[in-house]
Structures are given as structure tokens and as C-alpha cells.
């Protein structure tokens, strides 16, 4: 009996890591989890940019100007910098 267990251990060692349904399901869940995390990260970055753009547009509308006017007129650039600072919070 002891020799049989040793032979089975040696055979499993030679075969290496064997797939079982539980291991396959765990690997699939890990891959799906990583994919979901990456998608969430990509969506959050794009939504931050969109929110900043909306905030700056709202600031420009409150000042009754366009964003291009803020970039072209040096006297308005200070207020644009303040708006960018406020929108980034």
C-alpha cells in the first residue's frame, strides 16, 4: 500500500498541476474580476475628463464668454486658472 501511494505521488509530480472544475472556475473568476477592474478604471478616467469639461463650460457660461476667449485674453487667464483649480476638486 505504501509503495502504491509513493507511485501515485511520483506520477502526480510528473504530470504537474492538474485542472479541476474548482480551479478552472477560480481562474475564470479571477480573469473576469481583473477585466471588470480595468473597464471600471477606463470609465472613471473618461468620466473625470467629461466632468472637468462640463465644469469649465459652466464657468464660461456664467461669465458669458467662450472658453476660447479665456485662452486668447491674458486678463481672463487668471480666472480660467482659478476655474480649473476649482473644477479639479
N, C-alpha and C. Protein backbone atom coordinates (compact mmCIF):
# COMPACT_ATOMS: atom_id res chain seq x y z
N UNK A 1 0.82 -1.19 0.00
CA UNK A 1 0.00 0.00 0.00
C UNK A 1 0.87 1.26 0.00
N UNK A 2 1.93 1.25 0.78
CA UNK A 2 2.81 2.40 0.88
C UNK A 2 3.50 2.66 -0.46
N UNK A 3 3.92 1.57 -1.14
CA UNK A 3 4.57 1.73 -2.45
C UNK A 3 3.60 2.30 -3.48
N UNK A 4 2.35 1.90 -3.37
CA UNK A 4 1.34 2.40 -4.31
C UNK A 4 1.13 3.90 -4.13
N UNK A 5 1.10 4.39 -2.88
CA UNK A 5 0.96 5.82 -2.63
C UNK A 5 2.16 6.60 -3.15
N UNK A 6 3.34 6.01 -2.99
CA UNK A 6 4.55 6.67 -3.50
C UNK A 6 4.51 6.78 -5.02
N UNK A 7 4.06 5.71 -5.67
CA UNK A 7 3.98 5.73 -7.13
C UNK A 7 2.96 6.78 -7.59
N UNK A 8 1.84 6.89 -6.87
CA UNK A 8 0.84 7.89 -7.23
C UNK A 8 1.39 9.31 -7.04
N UNK A 9 2.15 9.52 -5.97
CA UNK A 9 2.75 10.83 -5.71
C UNK A 9 3.75 11.19 -6.79
N UNK A 10 4.55 10.20 -7.20
CA UNK A 10 5.54 10.44 -8.26
C UNK A 10 4.83 10.73 -9.57
N UNK A 11 3.75 10.00 -9.85
CA UNK A 11 3.01 10.21 -11.09
C UNK A 11 2.38 11.60 -11.11
N UNK A 12 1.79 12.04 -9.99
CA UNK A 12 1.21 13.38 -9.93
C UNK A 12 2.27 14.46 -10.06
N UNK A 13 3.44 14.20 -9.52
CA UNK A 13 4.52 15.17 -9.61
C UNK A 13 4.96 15.33 -11.06
N UNK A 14 5.00 14.22 -11.80
CA UNK A 14 5.41 14.27 -13.20
C UNK A 14 4.35 14.95 -14.07
N UNK A 15 3.09 14.73 -13.74
CA UNK A 15 2.00 15.32 -14.51
C UNK A 15 1.98 16.83 -14.30
N UNK A 16 2.26 17.24 -13.09
CA UNK A 16 2.26 18.67 -12.77
C UNK A 16 0.90 19.12 -12.26
N UNK A 17 0.64 20.39 -12.43
CA UNK A 17 -0.59 20.99 -11.92
C UNK A 17 -1.75 20.53 -12.78
N UNK A 18 -2.75 19.92 -12.16
CA UNK A 18 -3.88 19.40 -12.91
C UNK A 18 -5.09 20.30 -12.71
N UNK A 19 -5.85 20.46 -13.77
CA UNK A 19 -7.05 21.28 -13.71
C UNK A 19 -8.18 20.50 -13.07
N UNK A 20 -8.88 21.16 -12.20
CA UNK A 20 -10.11 20.62 -11.65
C UNK A 20 -11.20 21.65 -11.91
N UNK A 21 -12.46 21.28 -11.84
CA UNK A 21 -13.52 22.26 -12.08
C UNK A 21 -13.45 23.47 -11.13
N UNK A 22 -13.04 23.23 -9.91
CA UNK A 22 -12.95 24.33 -8.94
C UNK A 22 -11.82 25.28 -9.33
N UNK A 23 -10.69 24.73 -9.72
CA UNK A 23 -9.57 25.58 -10.14
C UNK A 23 -9.90 26.34 -11.40
N UNK A 24 -10.58 25.69 -12.34
CA UNK A 24 -10.96 26.37 -13.59
C UNK A 24 -11.93 27.51 -13.29
N UNK A 25 -12.90 27.28 -12.42
CA UNK A 25 -13.86 28.34 -12.07
C UNK A 25 -13.16 29.48 -11.34
N UNK A 26 -12.22 29.16 -10.47
CA UNK A 26 -11.47 30.21 -9.76
C UNK A 26 -10.65 31.05 -10.73
N UNK A 27 -10.00 30.39 -11.68
CA UNK A 27 -9.21 31.12 -12.67
C UNK A 27 -10.10 32.01 -13.53
N UNK A 28 -11.27 31.49 -13.93
CA UNK A 28 -12.19 32.28 -14.74
C UNK A 28 -12.70 33.49 -13.97
N UNK A 29 -13.03 33.31 -12.70
CA UNK A 29 -13.50 34.43 -11.89
C UNK A 29 -12.40 35.47 -11.69
N UNK A 30 -11.16 35.02 -11.54
CA UNK A 30 -10.05 35.96 -11.38
C UNK A 30 -9.86 36.77 -12.65
N UNK A 31 -9.94 36.13 -13.80
CA UNK A 31 -9.78 36.83 -15.07
C UNK A 31 -10.91 37.82 -15.28
N UNK A 32 -12.14 37.41 -14.98
CA UNK A 32 -13.28 38.32 -15.11
C UNK A 32 -13.18 39.49 -14.14
N UNK A 33 -12.68 39.24 -12.94
CA UNK A 33 -12.50 40.31 -11.97
C UNK A 33 -11.49 41.34 -12.43
N UNK A 34 -10.39 40.86 -12.98
CA UNK A 34 -9.35 41.77 -13.49
C UNK A 34 -9.89 42.57 -14.67
N UNK A 35 -10.65 41.92 -15.56
CA UNK A 35 -11.23 42.61 -16.70
C UNK A 35 -12.22 43.68 -16.24
N UNK A 36 -13.05 43.36 -15.25
CA UNK A 36 -14.01 44.33 -14.73
C UNK A 36 -13.29 45.52 -14.09
N UNK A 37 -12.21 45.26 -13.39
CA UNK A 37 -11.43 46.34 -12.79
C UNK A 37 -10.85 47.26 -13.85
N UNK A 38 -10.33 46.69 -14.92
CA UNK A 38 -9.76 47.50 -16.00
C UNK A 38 -10.83 48.34 -16.69
N UNK A 39 -12.01 47.77 -16.91
CA UNK A 39 -13.10 48.52 -17.53
C UNK A 39 -13.53 49.66 -16.62
N UNK A 40 -13.64 49.39 -15.33
CA UNK A 40 -14.03 50.44 -14.38
C UNK A 40 -13.00 51.56 -14.36
N UNK A 41 -11.74 51.21 -14.43
CA UNK A 41 -10.69 52.22 -14.44
C UNK A 41 -10.78 53.08 -15.68
N UNK A 42 -10.99 52.46 -16.83
CA UNK A 42 -11.09 53.22 -18.08
C UNK A 42 -12.30 54.14 -18.06
N UNK A 43 -13.41 53.68 -17.53
CA UNK A 43 -14.62 54.51 -17.47
C UNK A 43 -14.45 55.68 -16.51
N UNK A 44 -13.77 55.46 -15.40
CA UNK A 44 -13.61 56.54 -14.43
C UNK A 44 -12.73 57.65 -14.97
N UNK A 45 -11.71 57.29 -15.74
CA UNK A 45 -10.82 58.31 -16.31
C UNK A 45 -11.59 59.17 -17.31
N UNK A 46 -12.39 58.54 -18.16
CA UNK A 46 -13.13 59.31 -19.15
C UNK A 46 -14.21 60.16 -18.49
N UNK A 47 -14.82 59.68 -17.42
CA UNK A 47 -15.86 60.47 -16.76
C UNK A 47 -15.25 61.67 -16.04
N UNK A 48 -14.05 61.53 -15.51
CA UNK A 48 -13.38 62.66 -14.87
C UNK A 48 -13.11 63.76 -15.89
N UNK A 49 -12.64 63.37 -17.07
CA UNK A 49 -12.38 64.36 -18.12
C UNK A 49 -13.67 65.05 -18.54
N UNK A 50 -14.74 64.27 -18.68
CA UNK A 50 -16.02 64.85 -19.10
C UNK A 50 -16.55 65.80 -18.03
N UNK A 51 -16.40 65.44 -16.77
CA UNK A 51 -16.87 66.32 -15.69
C UNK A 51 -16.07 67.61 -15.66
N UNK A 52 -14.75 67.53 -15.86
CA UNK A 52 -13.94 68.75 -15.89
C UNK A 52 -14.34 69.64 -17.05
N UNK A 53 -14.61 69.04 -18.21
CA UNK A 53 -15.01 69.84 -19.37
C UNK A 53 -16.35 70.51 -19.13
N UNK A 54 -17.30 69.78 -18.52
CA UNK A 54 -18.60 70.37 -18.21
C UNK A 54 -18.47 71.51 -17.21
N UNK A 55 -17.61 71.33 -16.23
CA UNK A 55 -17.41 72.36 -15.21
C UNK A 55 -16.83 73.63 -15.84
N UNK A 56 -15.84 73.47 -16.72
CA UNK A 56 -15.26 74.64 -17.38
C UNK A 56 -16.26 75.33 -18.30
N UNK A 57 -17.07 74.53 -18.99
CA UNK A 57 -18.10 75.12 -19.85
C UNK A 57 -19.11 75.91 -19.01
N UNK A 58 -19.49 75.36 -17.86
CA UNK A 58 -20.43 76.06 -16.98
C UNK A 58 -19.82 77.36 -16.48
N UNK A 59 -18.53 77.34 -16.15
CA UNK A 59 -17.85 78.55 -15.70
C UNK A 59 -17.85 79.59 -16.81
N UNK A 60 -17.55 79.17 -18.02
CA UNK A 60 -17.53 80.11 -19.15
C UNK A 60 -18.93 80.67 -19.39
N UNK A 61 -19.94 79.84 -19.27
CA UNK A 61 -21.31 80.33 -19.47
C UNK A 61 -21.70 81.32 -18.38
N UNK A 62 -21.24 81.07 -17.15
CA UNK A 62 -21.53 82.01 -16.06
C UNK A 62 -20.88 83.37 -16.31
N UNK A 63 -19.73 83.35 -16.95
CA UNK A 63 -19.01 84.59 -17.26
C UNK A 63 -19.47 85.18 -18.59
N UNK A 64 -20.39 84.53 -19.28
CA UNK A 64 -20.92 84.95 -20.58
C UNK A 64 -19.80 85.09 -21.61
N UNK A 65 -18.92 84.10 -21.61
CA UNK A 65 -17.81 84.08 -22.57
C UNK A 65 -17.64 82.65 -23.07
N UNK A 66 -16.81 82.51 -24.08
CA UNK A 66 -16.48 81.17 -24.55
C UNK A 66 -15.12 80.78 -23.96
N UNK A 67 -14.83 79.49 -23.99
CA UNK A 67 -13.53 79.05 -23.48
C UNK A 67 -12.39 79.60 -24.33
N UNK A 68 -12.64 79.79 -25.63
CA UNK A 68 -11.60 80.36 -26.50
C UNK A 68 -11.22 81.77 -26.07
N UNK A 69 -12.20 82.52 -25.61
CA UNK A 69 -11.92 83.89 -25.16
C UNK A 69 -10.99 83.88 -23.95
N UNK A 70 -11.15 82.90 -23.07
CA UNK A 70 -10.27 82.83 -21.90
C UNK A 70 -8.83 82.55 -22.30
N UNK A 71 -8.66 81.74 -23.34
CA UNK A 71 -7.30 81.42 -23.77
C UNK A 71 -6.66 82.57 -24.54
N UNK A 72 -7.47 83.38 -25.20
CA UNK A 72 -6.92 84.45 -26.03
C UNK A 72 -6.66 85.74 -25.25
N UNK A 73 -7.45 86.00 -24.23
CA UNK A 73 -7.31 87.25 -23.48
C UNK A 73 -6.49 87.00 -22.21
N UNK A 74 -5.28 87.62 -22.12
CA UNK A 74 -4.42 87.38 -20.95
C UNK A 74 -5.06 87.81 -19.63
N UNK A 75 -5.92 88.81 -19.66
CA UNK A 75 -6.52 89.26 -18.40
C UNK A 75 -7.52 88.24 -17.86
N UNK A 76 -8.04 87.38 -18.71
CA UNK A 76 -9.01 86.38 -18.27
C UNK A 76 -8.36 85.05 -17.88
N UNK A 77 -7.08 84.93 -18.17
CA UNK A 77 -6.42 83.64 -17.91
C UNK A 77 -6.31 83.33 -16.43
N UNK A 78 -6.20 84.36 -15.60
CA UNK A 78 -6.14 84.12 -14.15
C UNK A 78 -7.45 83.51 -13.64
N UNK A 79 -8.55 84.04 -14.14
CA UNK A 79 -9.84 83.47 -13.71
C UNK A 79 -10.02 82.05 -14.27
N UNK A 80 -9.46 81.79 -15.45
CA UNK A 80 -9.53 80.43 -16.01
C UNK A 80 -8.72 79.46 -15.16
N UNK A 81 -7.57 79.89 -14.69
CA UNK A 81 -6.74 79.04 -13.83
C UNK A 81 -7.48 78.74 -12.53
N UNK A 82 -8.13 79.74 -11.98
CA UNK A 82 -8.92 79.51 -10.76
C UNK A 82 -10.07 78.54 -11.02
N UNK A 83 -10.71 78.66 -12.18
CA UNK A 83 -11.79 77.75 -12.52
C UNK A 83 -11.28 76.32 -12.68
N UNK A 84 -10.13 76.17 -13.31
CA UNK A 84 -9.54 74.84 -13.47
C UNK A 84 -9.23 74.24 -12.11
N UNK A 85 -8.72 75.07 -11.22
CA UNK A 85 -8.40 74.59 -9.87
C UNK A 85 -9.66 74.14 -9.13
N UNK A 86 -10.71 74.92 -9.25
CA UNK A 86 -11.96 74.57 -8.59
C UNK A 86 -12.61 73.33 -9.21
N UNK A 87 -12.52 73.20 -10.53
CA UNK A 87 -13.14 72.07 -11.22
C UNK A 87 -12.39 70.76 -10.95
N UNK A 88 -11.12 70.85 -10.64
CA UNK A 88 -10.35 69.63 -10.41
C UNK A 88 -10.58 69.04 -9.02
N UNK A 89 -11.31 69.73 -8.19
CA UNK A 89 -11.57 69.20 -6.84
C UNK A 89 -12.74 68.31 -6.80
